[in-house]
Amino acid sequence: MLDDPTPPAVGPRRVLVTGFDPFGGAEVNPSWAAVQALDGMELEGHRVVAARLPTRFDRCLGELDRL
């Protein structure tokens, strides 16, 4: 209902950090290694959530929508 004065429930604040999967024959993408180290940390009341995205643009946006 559009005129419902009840505010939506708010969960813990989160910060999404993203890295990318390997490309060009590399076994690891350093961006993913960096954000993995932050996953699960709490910084000033915000929970850090890491996600690895594909390096293909046509797949990247779909993955972001799922997050």
PDB file of N, CA and C in Angstrom:
ATOM      1  N   MET A   1       0.847  -1.164   0.000  1.00  0.00           N
ATOM      2  CA  MET A   1       0.000   0.000   0.000  1.00  0.00           C
ATOM      3  C   MET A   1       0.904   1.243   0.000  1.00  0.00           C
ATOM      4  N   LEU A   2       0.638   2.180  -0.871  1.00  0.00           N
ATOM      5  CA  LEU A   2       1.499   3.339  -1.021  1.00  0.00           C
ATOM      6  C   LEU A   2       1.433   4.312   0.152  1.00  0.00           C
ATOM      7  N   ASP A   3       0.307   4.397   0.831  1.00  0.00           N
ATOM      8  CA  ASP A   3       0.197   5.364   1.918  1.00  0.00           C
ATOM      9  C   ASP A   3       0.430   4.736   3.296  1.00  0.00           C
ATOM     10  N   ASP A   4       1.038   3.570   3.348  1.00  0.00           N
ATOM     11  CA  ASP A   4       1.340   2.900   4.615  1.00  0.00           C
ATOM     12  C   ASP A   4       2.463   3.659   5.328  1.00  0.00           C
ATOM     13  N   PRO A   5       2.212   4.202   6.535  1.00  0.00           N
ATOM     14  CA  PRO A   5       3.218   4.992   7.233  1.00  0.00           C
ATOM     15  C   PRO A   5       4.312   4.147   7.906  1.00  0.00           C
ATOM     16  N   THR A   6       4.163   2.822   7.913  1.00  0.00           N
ATOM     17  CA  THR A   6       5.151   1.968   8.570  1.00  0.00           C
ATOM     18  C   THR A   6       6.405   1.878   7.715  1.00  0.00           C
ATOM     19  N   PRO A   7       7.532   2.287   8.265  1.00  0.00           N
ATOM     20  CA  PRO A   7       8.765   2.197   7.464  1.00  0.00           C
ATOM     21  C   PRO A   7       9.158   0.741   7.274  1.00  0.00           C
ATOM     22  N   PRO A   8       9.833   0.442   6.171  1.00  0.00           N
ATOM     23  CA  PRO A   8      10.269  -0.935   5.941  1.00  0.00           C
ATOM     24  C   PRO A   8      11.309  -1.343   6.978  1.00  0.00           C
ATOM     25  N   ALA A   9      11.350  -2.637   7.277  1.00  0.00           N
ATOM     26  CA  ALA A   9      12.349  -3.149   8.217  1.00  0.00           C
ATOM     27  C   ALA A   9      13.736  -2.984   7.601  1.00  0.00           C
ATOM     28  N   VAL A  10      14.649  -2.561   8.408  1.00  0.00           N
ATOM     29  CA  VAL A  10      16.013  -2.347   7.930  1.00  0.00           C
ATOM     30  C   VAL A  10      16.923  -3.344   8.628  1.00  0.00           C
ATOM     31  N   GLY A  11      17.688  -4.075   7.852  1.00  0.00           N
ATOM     32  CA  GLY A  11      18.632  -5.035   8.406  1.00  0.00           C
ATOM     33  C   GLY A  11      19.964  -4.348   8.682  1.00  0.00           C
ATOM     34  N   PRO A  12      20.954  -5.139   8.981  1.00  0.00           N
ATOM     35  CA  PRO A  12      22.266  -4.562   9.223  1.00  0.00           C
ATOM     36  C   PRO A  12      22.788  -3.881   7.960  1.00  0.00           C
ATOM     37  N   ARG A  13      23.457  -2.798   8.155  1.00  0.00           N
ATOM     38  CA  ARG A  13      24.020  -2.084   7.008  1.00  0.00           C
ATOM     39  C   ARG A  13      25.173  -2.898   6.438  1.00  0.00           C
ATOM     40  N   ARG A  14      25.228  -2.948   5.115  1.00  0.00           N
ATOM     41  CA  ARG A  14      26.256  -3.729   4.444  1.00  0.00           C
ATOM     42  C   ARG A  14      26.972  -2.897   3.406  1.00  0.00           C
ATOM     43  N   VAL A  15      28.206  -3.249   3.190  1.00  0.00           N
ATOM     44  CA  VAL A  15      29.012  -2.645   2.142  1.00  0.00           C
ATOM     45  C   VAL A  15      29.422  -3.765   1.202  1.00  0.00           C
ATOM     46  N   LEU A  16      29.087  -3.631  -0.058  1.00  0.00           N
ATOM     47  CA  LEU A  16      29.457  -4.629  -1.051  1.00  0.00           C
ATOM     48  C   LEU A  16      30.780  -4.236  -1.680  1.00  0.00           C
ATOM     49  N   VAL A  17      31.734  -5.144  -1.616  1.00  0.00           N
ATOM     50  CA  VAL A  17      33.012  -4.964  -2.308  1.00  0.00           C
ATOM     51  C   VAL A  17      33.119  -6.078  -3.344  1.00  0.00           C
ATOM     52  N   THR A  18      33.591  -5.739  -4.524  1.00  0.00           N
ATOM     53  CA  THR A  18      33.627  -6.726  -5.600  1.00  0.00           C
ATOM     54  C   THR A  18      35.035  -6.928  -6.131  1.00  0.00           C
ATOM     55  N   GLY A  19      35.287  -8.158  -6.484  1.00  0.00           N
ATOM     56  CA  GLY A  19      36.492  -8.540  -7.206  1.00  0.00           C
ATOM     57  C   GLY A  19      36.035  -9.285  -8.439  1.00  0.00           C
ATOM     58  N   PHE A  20      36.977  -9.705  -9.241  1.00  0.00           N
ATOM     59  CA  PHE A  20      36.629 -10.339 -10.507  1.00  0.00           C
ATOM     60  C   PHE A  20      37.322 -11.681 -10.659  1.00  0.00           C
ATOM     61  N   ASP A  21      36.700 -12.524 -11.494  1.00  0.00           N
ATOM     62  CA  ASP A  21      37.305 -13.824 -11.736  1.00  0.00           C
ATOM     63  C   ASP A  21      38.532 -13.661 -12.630  1.00  0.00           C
ATOM     64  N   PRO A  22      39.383 -14.677 -12.695  1.00  0.00           N
ATOM     65  CA  PRO A  22      40.599 -14.591 -13.505  1.00  0.00           C
ATOM     66  C   PRO A  22      40.278 -14.485 -14.996  1.00  0.00           C
ATOM     67  N   PHE A  23      41.189 -13.924 -15.732  1.00  0.00           N
ATOM     68  CA  PHE A  23      41.038 -13.834 -17.181  1.00  0.00           C
ATOM     69  C   PHE A  23      42.418 -13.830 -17.812  1.00  0.00           C
ATOM     70  N   GLY A  24      42.456 -14.005 -19.102  1.00  0.00           N
ATOM     71  CA  GLY A  24      43.718 -13.959 -19.839  1.00  0.00           C
ATOM     72  C   GLY A  24      44.702 -15.052 -19.447  1.00  0.00           C
ATOM     73  N   GLY A  25      44.198 -16.182 -18.983  1.00  0.00           N
ATOM     74  CA  GLY A  25      45.074 -17.285 -18.629  1.00  0.00           C
ATOM     75  C   GLY A  25      45.608 -17.257 -17.209  1.00  0.00           C
ATOM     76  N   ALA A  26      45.293 -16.200 -16.459  1.00  0.00           N
ATOM     77  CA  ALA A  26      45.747 -16.115 -15.064  1.00  0.00           C
ATOM     78  C   ALA A  26      44.957 -17.091 -14.210  1.00  0.00           C
ATOM     79  N   GLU A  27      45.561 -17.571 -13.141  1.00  0.00           N
ATOM     80  CA  GLU A  27      44.862 -18.482 -12.235  1.00  0.00           C
ATOM     81  C   GLU A  27      44.067 -17.736 -11.171  1.00  0.00           C
ATOM     82  N   VAL A  28      44.500 -16.535 -10.829  1.00  0.00           N
ATOM     83  CA  VAL A  28      43.851 -15.743  -9.787  1.00  0.00           C
ATOM     84  C   VAL A  28      43.808 -14.293 -10.246  1.00  0.00           C
ATOM     85  N   ASN A  29      42.724 -13.612  -9.927  1.00  0.00           N
ATOM     86  CA  ASN A  29      42.645 -12.173 -10.158  1.00  0.00           C
ATOM     87  C   ASN A  29      42.920 -11.495  -8.816  1.00  0.00           C
ATOM     88  N   PRO A  30      43.942 -10.652  -8.742  1.00  0.00           N
ATOM     89  CA  PRO A  30      44.287 -10.009  -7.470  1.00  0.00           C
ATOM     90  C   PRO A  30      43.146  -9.204  -6.861  1.00  0.00           C
ATOM     91  N   SER A  31      42.224  -8.715  -7.678  1.00  0.00           N
ATOM     92  CA  SER A  31      41.097  -7.956  -7.127  1.00  0.00           C
ATOM     93  C   SER A  31      40.238  -8.854  -6.244  1.00  0.00           C
ATOM     94  N   TRP A  32      40.062 -10.102  -6.620  1.00  0.00           N
ATOM     95  CA  TRP A  32      39.276 -11.031  -5.823  1.00  0.00           C
ATOM     96  C   TRP A  32      40.012 -11.383  -4.545  1.00  0.00           C
ATOM     97  N   ALA A  33      41.297 -11.603  -4.636  1.00  0.00           N
ATOM     98  CA  ALA A  33      42.083 -11.920  -3.438  1.00  0.00           C
ATOM     99  C   ALA A  33      41.998 -10.774  -2.424  1.00  0.00           C
ATOM    100  N   ALA A  34      42.008  -9.553  -2.905  1.00  0.00           N
ATOM    101  CA  ALA A  34      41.965  -8.392  -2.012  1.00  0.00           C
ATOM    102  C   ALA A  34      40.626  -8.281  -1.291  1.00  0.00           C
ATOM    103  N   VAL A  35      39.531  -8.430  -2.016  1.00  0.00           N
ATOM    104  CA  VAL A  35      38.232  -8.259  -1.363  1.00  0.00           C
ATOM    105  C   VAL A  35      37.858  -9.458  -0.505  1.00  0.00           C
ATOM    106  N   GLN A  36      38.356 -10.638  -0.835  1.00  0.00           N
ATOM    107  CA  GLN A  36      38.096 -11.813  -0.005  1.00  0.00           C
ATOM    108  C   GLN A  36      38.603 -11.590   1.413  1.00  0.00           C
ATOM    109  N   ALA A  37      39.714 -10.890   1.534  1.00  0.00           N
ATOM    110  CA  ALA A  37      40.289 -10.629   2.854  1.00  0.00           C
ATOM    111  C   ALA A  37      39.374  -9.745   3.700  1.00  0.00           C
ATOM    112  N   LEU A  38      38.510  -8.977   3.066  1.00  0.00           N
ATOM    113  CA  LEU A  38      37.609  -8.074   3.781  1.00  0.00           C
ATOM    114  C   LEU A  38      36.266  -8.702   4.119  1.00  0.00           C
ATOM    115  N   ASP A  39      35.913  -9.782   3.435  1.00  0.00           N
ATOM    116  CA  ASP A  39      34.596 -10.390   3.593  1.00  0.00           C
ATOM    117  C   ASP A  39      34.319 -10.760   5.045  1.00  0.00           C
ATOM    118  N   GLY A  40      33.162 -10.325   5.535  1.00  0.00           N
ATOM    119  CA  GLY A  40      32.740 -10.652   6.891  1.00  0.00           C
ATOM    120  C   GLY A  40      33.207  -9.674   7.961  1.00  0.00           C
ATOM    121  N   MET A  41      34.080  -8.760   7.602  1.00  0.00           N
ATOM    122  CA  MET A  41      34.543  -7.770   8.581  1.00  0.00           C
ATOM    123  C   MET A  41      33.407  -6.815   8.920  1.00  0.00           C
ATOM    124  N   GLU A  42      33.522  -6.196  10.064  1.00  0.00           N
ATOM    125  CA  GLU A  42      32.583  -5.144  10.435  1.00  0.00           C
ATOM    126  C   GLU A  42      33.383  -3.867  10.591  1.00  0.00           C
ATOM    127  N   LEU A  43      32.955  -2.843   9.876  1.00  0.00           N
ATOM    128  CA  LEU A  43      33.636  -1.552   9.890  1.00  0.00           C
ATOM    129  C   LEU A  43      32.631  -0.463  10.223  1.00  0.00           C
ATOM    130  N   GLU A  44      32.800   0.141  11.367  1.00  0.00           N
ATOM    131  CA  GLU A  44      31.936   1.240  11.800  1.00  0.00           C
ATOM    132  C   GLU A  44      30.452   0.889  11.669  1.00  0.00           C
ATOM    133  N   GLY A  45      30.099  -0.307  12.113  1.00  0.00           N
ATOM    134  CA  GLY A  45      28.710  -0.732  12.107  1.00  0.00           C
ATOM    135  C   GLY A  45      28.194  -1.267  10.788  1.00  0.00           C
ATOM    136  N   HIS A  46      29.058  -1.428   9.829  1.00  0.00           N
ATOM    137  CA  HIS A  46      28.673  -1.949   8.517  1.00  0.00           C
ATOM    138  C   HIS A  46      29.363  -3.291   8.292  1.00  0.00           C
ATOM    139  N   ARG A  47      28.596  -4.261   7.845  1.00  0.00           N
ATOM    140  CA  ARG A  47      29.162  -5.576   7.541  1.00  0.00           C
ATOM    141  C   ARG A  47      29.653  -5.584   6.101  1.00  0.00           C
ATOM    142  N   VAL A  48      30.877  -6.028   5.893  1.00  0.00           N
ATOM    143  CA  VAL A  48      31.469  -6.085   4.556  1.00  0.00           C
ATOM    144  C   VAL A  48      31.128  -7.431   3.923  1.00  0.00           C
ATOM    145  N   VAL A  49      30.610  -7.366   2.709  1.00  0.00           N
ATOM    146  CA  VAL A  49      30.250  -8.562   1.950  1.00  0.00           C
ATOM    147  C   VAL A  49      31.025  -8.530   0.637  1.00  0.00           C
ATOM    148  N   ALA A  50      31.792  -9.589   0.383  1.00  0.00           N
ATOM    149  CA  ALA A  50      32.563  -9.675  -0.863  1.00  0.00           C
ATOM    150  C   ALA A  50      31.827 -10.537  -1.871  1.00  0.00           C
ATOM    151  N   ALA A  51      31.914 -10.155  -3.123  1.00  0.00           N
ATOM    152  CA  ALA A  51      31.327 -10.941  -4.205  1.00  0.00           C
ATOM    153  C   ALA A  51      32.291 -10.958  -5.381  1.00  0.00           C
ATOM    154  N   ARG A  52      32.384 -12.108  -6.017  1.00  0.00           N
ATOM    155  CA  ARG A  52      33.241 -12.226  -7.205  1.00  0.00           C
ATOM    156  C   ARG A  52      32.364 -12.146  -8.437  1.00  0.00           C
ATOM    157  N   LEU A  53      32.717 -11.238  -9.316  1.00  0.00           N
ATOM    158  CA  LEU A  53      31.948 -11.027 -10.541  1.00  0.00           C
ATOM    159  C   LEU A  53      32.704 -11.581 -11.737  1.00  0.00           C
ATOM    160  N   PRO A  54      31.954 -12.030 -12.741  1.00  0.00           N
ATOM    161  CA  PRO A  54      32.608 -12.477 -13.967  1.00  0.00           C
ATOM    162  C   PRO A  54      33.202 -11.286 -14.710  1.00  0.00           C
ATOM    163  N   THR A  55      34.248 -11.530 -15.462  1.00  0.00           N
ATOM    164  CA  THR A  55      34.882 -10.450 -16.221  1.00  0.00           C
ATOM    165  C   THR A  55      34.183 -10.202 -17.558  1.00  0.00           C
ATOM    166  N   ARG A  56      33.117 -10.928 -17.818  1.00  0.00           N
ATOM    167  CA  ARG A  56      32.319 -10.705 -19.027  1.00  0.00           C
ATOM    168  C   ARG A  56      31.154  -9.795 -18.684  1.00  0.00           C
ATOM    169  N   PHE A  57      31.073  -8.672 -19.371  1.00  0.00           N
ATOM    170  CA  PHE A  57      30.039  -7.671 -19.076  1.00  0.00           C
ATOM    171  C   PHE A  57      28.638  -8.255 -19.166  1.00  0.00           C
ATOM    172  N   ASP A  58      28.378  -9.095 -20.165  1.00  0.00           N
ATOM    173  CA  ASP A  58      27.026  -9.640 -20.338  1.00  0.00           C
ATOM    174  C   ASP A  58      26.617 -10.553 -19.186  1.00  0.00           C
ATOM    175  N   ARG A  59      27.557 -11.080 -18.422  1.00  0.00           N
ATOM    176  CA  ARG A  59      27.238 -11.917 -17.263  1.00  0.00           C
ATOM    177  C   ARG A  59      27.350 -11.133 -15.954  1.00  0.00           C
ATOM    178  N   CYS A  60      28.129 -10.095 -15.954  1.00  0.00           N
ATOM    179  CA  CYS A  60      28.393  -9.311 -14.747  1.00  0.00           C
ATOM    180  C   CYS A  60      27.122  -8.650 -14.200  1.00  0.00           C
ATOM    181  N   LEU A  61      26.324  -8.053 -15.074  1.00  0.00           N
ATOM    182  CA  LEU A  61      25.129  -7.348 -14.609  1.00  0.00           C
ATOM    183  C   LEU A  61      24.109  -8.299 -14.010  1.00  0.00           C
ATOM    184  N   GLY A  62      23.969  -9.490 -14.567  1.00  0.00           N
ATOM    185  CA  GLY A  62      23.057 -10.472 -14.011  1.00  0.00           C
ATOM    186  C   GLY A  62      23.488 -10.897 -12.606  1.00  0.00           C
ATOM    187  N   GLU A  63      24.772 -11.059 -12.431  1.00  0.00           N
ATOM    188  CA  GLU A  63      25.287 -11.436 -11.108  1.00  0.00           C
ATOM    189  C   GLU A  63      25.046 -10.311 -10.093  1.00  0.00           C
ATOM    190  N   LEU A  64      25.240  -9.082 -10.508  1.00  0.00           N
ATOM    191  CA  LEU A  64      24.967  -7.950  -9.613  1.00  0.00           C
ATOM    192  C   LEU A  64      23.490  -7.913  -9.215  1.00  0.00           C
ATOM    193  N   ASP A  65      22.605  -8.191 -10.147  1.00  0.00           N
ATOM    194  CA  ASP A  65      21.166  -8.216  -9.822  1.00  0.00           C
ATOM    195  C   ASP A  65      20.857  -9.267  -8.758  1.00  0.00           C
ATOM    196  N   ARG A  66      21.555 -10.396  -8.797  1.00  0.00           N
ATOM    197  CA  ARG A  66      21.310 -11.456  -7.802  1.00  0.00           C
ATOM    198  C   ARG A  66      21.796 -11.070  -6.414  1.00  0.00           C
ATOM    199  N   LEU A  67      22.735 -10.155  -6.357  1.00  0.00           N
ATOM    200  CA  LEU A  67      23.277  -9.745  -5.058  1.00  0.00           C
ATOM    201  C   LEU A  67      22.299  -8.796  -4.387  1.00  0.00           C
TER     202      LEU A  67
END
